[in-house]
Amino acid sequence: MRFGRTPGEFPKHDAGAGSLEDYRFDLTPKSAKTVIRLAGCDAHQADIDVADTASQLEAVIARRTDEEERTDAVMPVRLFVDGRLLGPVGQVPRGLEGVVNEAISRLEMAGRKPRIPADIARTRHGLRVDLLMGRTT
């Protein structure tokens, strides 16, 4: 099952992308190449452009509170770029919030920083942020 586009929320080219089929039953990535493309990047092109030249790029995602879980609030994503915080630069596509929460938990339990490695992709519609989920195992 592919996730991303909610009708009317974002244009098709900015809806984000990812699939639950890329994950095992315990929500760990099946491959080191597993990626989630963020939704809503169009409005944040200036911040993403600044991050595009960074030597180290990590996504910072706050866990959703119980209230946000009940209302199905979005998960905004910020970028940690060469020692400073930028953003928000987009949001996790609908339906993939659980995968991201599990990745953050895995990183914390392993004693690592709860930041997901990220990369900037250039498309014909502008810059997009990819979460490198395969590197969270």
Protein backbone atom coordinates (compact mmCIF):
# COMPACT_ATOMS: atom_id res chain seq x y z
CA MET A 1 0.00 0.00 0.00
CA ARG A 2 1.45 3.33 -1.06
CA PHE A 3 0.91 6.46 0.98
CA GLY A 4 1.37 10.11 0.44
CA ARG A 5 -1.35 12.00 -1.34
CA THR A 6 -4.41 13.21 0.49
CA PRO A 7 -6.84 14.68 -2.08
CA GLY A 8 -6.70 18.47 -2.05
CA GLU A 9 -3.90 18.68 0.50
CA PHE A 10 -0.84 19.04 -1.76
CA PRO A 11 -0.25 19.00 -5.51
CA LYS A 12 0.68 15.57 -6.87
CA HIS A 13 4.35 16.55 -7.33
CA ASP A 14 4.61 17.67 -3.66
CA ALA A 15 2.56 14.97 -1.92
CA GLY A 16 5.51 12.96 -0.66
CA ALA A 17 6.06 9.25 -1.15
CA GLY A 18 6.73 6.05 0.68
CA SER A 19 5.26 2.61 1.17
CA LEU A 20 4.57 0.33 4.11
CA GLU A 21 5.57 -2.52 1.80
CA ASP A 22 9.19 -1.35 2.26
CA TYR A 23 9.08 -2.39 5.94
CA ARG A 24 8.97 -5.65 7.86
CA PHE A 25 6.24 -6.51 10.35
CA ASP A 26 8.22 -4.77 13.15
CA LEU A 27 8.45 -1.58 11.03
CA THR A 28 12.17 -1.93 10.31
CA PRO A 29 13.22 -1.17 6.72
CA LYS A 30 13.66 -4.18 4.45
CA SER A 31 16.51 -2.48 2.61
CA ALA A 32 19.28 -0.01 3.35
CA LYS A 33 17.95 2.00 0.39
CA THR A 34 14.48 2.58 1.88
CA VAL A 35 13.46 6.24 1.60
CA ILE A 36 10.47 8.41 2.51
CA ARG A 37 10.03 11.62 0.51
CA LEU A 38 8.48 14.43 2.55
CA ALA A 39 5.24 16.13 1.58
CA GLY A 40 4.75 19.88 1.49
CA CYS A 41 8.26 20.91 0.47
CA ASP A 42 7.16 23.56 -2.05
CA ALA A 43 6.58 26.18 0.64
CA HIS A 44 10.04 25.65 2.16
CA GLN A 45 12.36 25.87 -0.85
CA ALA A 46 14.59 28.58 0.68
CA ASP A 47 15.37 26.51 3.79
CA ILE A 48 15.90 23.36 1.74
CA ASP A 49 18.27 25.27 -0.57
CA VAL A 50 20.38 26.31 2.44
CA ALA A 51 20.49 22.68 3.55
CA ASP A 52 21.47 21.47 0.07
CA THR A 53 25.08 22.56 0.59
CA ALA A 54 25.46 20.92 4.00
CA SER A 55 28.06 18.26 4.66
CA GLN A 56 25.86 16.50 7.23
CA LEU A 57 22.08 16.52 7.08
CA GLU A 58 19.71 14.99 9.62
CA ALA A 59 15.95 15.24 10.08
CA VAL A 60 14.61 16.25 13.48
CA ILE A 61 11.06 15.08 14.09
CA ALA A 62 9.21 15.66 17.35
CA ARG A 63 7.11 12.80 18.59
CA ARG A 64 3.40 13.38 18.45
CA THR A 65 1.66 13.94 21.78
CA ASP A 66 -1.36 11.87 22.78
CA GLU A 67 -3.60 14.76 21.75
CA GLU A 68 -1.93 14.99 18.34
CA GLU A 69 -2.36 11.22 17.92
CA ARG A 70 -6.08 11.51 18.65
CA THR A 71 -6.55 14.31 16.13
CA ASP A 72 -4.22 12.73 13.56
CA ALA A 73 -2.04 15.84 13.44
CA VAL A 74 0.72 16.15 10.86
CA MET A 75 4.36 15.41 11.70
CA PRO A 76 6.43 18.43 10.65
CA VAL A 77 10.09 17.81 9.88
CA ARG A 78 12.99 20.16 10.57
CA LEU A 79 16.58 19.74 9.45
CA PHE A 80 19.71 19.77 11.57
CA VAL A 81 22.32 21.22 9.22
CA ASP A 82 25.97 21.62 10.20
CA GLY A 83 25.16 22.41 13.83
CA ARG A 84 22.01 24.48 13.41
CA LEU A 85 18.30 23.78 13.14
CA LEU A 86 16.32 24.79 10.03
CA GLY A 87 12.73 24.40 9.16
CA PRO A 88 10.17 23.14 9.03
CA VAL A 89 10.93 21.81 5.54
CA GLY A 90 7.96 19.49 5.02
CA GLN A 91 5.96 16.79 6.76
CA VAL A 92 5.81 13.02 6.94
CA PRO A 93 3.31 11.69 4.36
CA ARG A 94 0.02 10.47 5.83
CA GLY A 95 0.08 6.83 6.88
CA LEU A 96 3.83 6.66 7.47
CA GLU A 97 3.91 8.36 10.89
CA GLY A 98 4.19 5.00 12.71
CA VAL A 99 7.24 4.01 10.70
CA VAL A 100 8.96 7.28 11.57
CA ASN A 101 8.04 7.02 15.27
CA GLU A 102 9.43 3.49 15.38
CA ALA A 103 12.68 4.62 13.72
CA ILE A 104 13.11 7.39 16.30
CA SER A 105 12.51 4.89 19.12
CA ARG A 106 15.04 2.47 17.60
CA LEU A 107 17.68 5.18 17.41
CA GLU A 108 17.09 6.25 21.03
CA MET A 109 17.19 2.67 22.32
CA ALA A 110 20.49 2.12 20.50
CA GLY A 111 21.95 5.16 22.29
CA ARG A 112 22.10 7.24 19.10
CA LYS A 113 20.73 10.72 18.50
CA PRO A 114 17.03 10.59 17.57
CA ARG A 115 17.71 12.12 14.16
CA ILE A 116 17.01 10.42 10.87
CA PRO A 117 19.63 10.82 8.13
CA ALA A 118 18.31 12.90 5.24
CA ASP A 119 19.21 13.93 1.73
CA ILE A 120 18.08 16.62 -0.71
CA ALA A 121 16.70 15.54 -4.08
CA ARG A 122 16.43 17.87 -7.06
CA THR A 123 13.30 17.34 -9.14
CA ARG A 124 11.87 19.30 -12.04
CA HIS A 125 9.42 20.82 -9.54
CA GLY A 126 12.09 21.93 -7.07
CA LEU A 127 13.99 20.57 -4.09
CA ARG A 128 12.62 17.69 -2.00
CA VAL A 129 13.77 16.18 1.29
CA ASP A 130 14.23 12.40 1.53
CA LEU A 131 14.42 10.59 4.87
CA LEU A 132 16.99 7.80 4.58
CA MET A 133 15.02 5.28 6.63
CA GLY A 134 17.31 2.39 5.66
CA ARG A 135 20.10 3.94 7.74
CA THR A 136 18.08 3.84 10.97
CA THR A 137 18.66 0.14 11.67
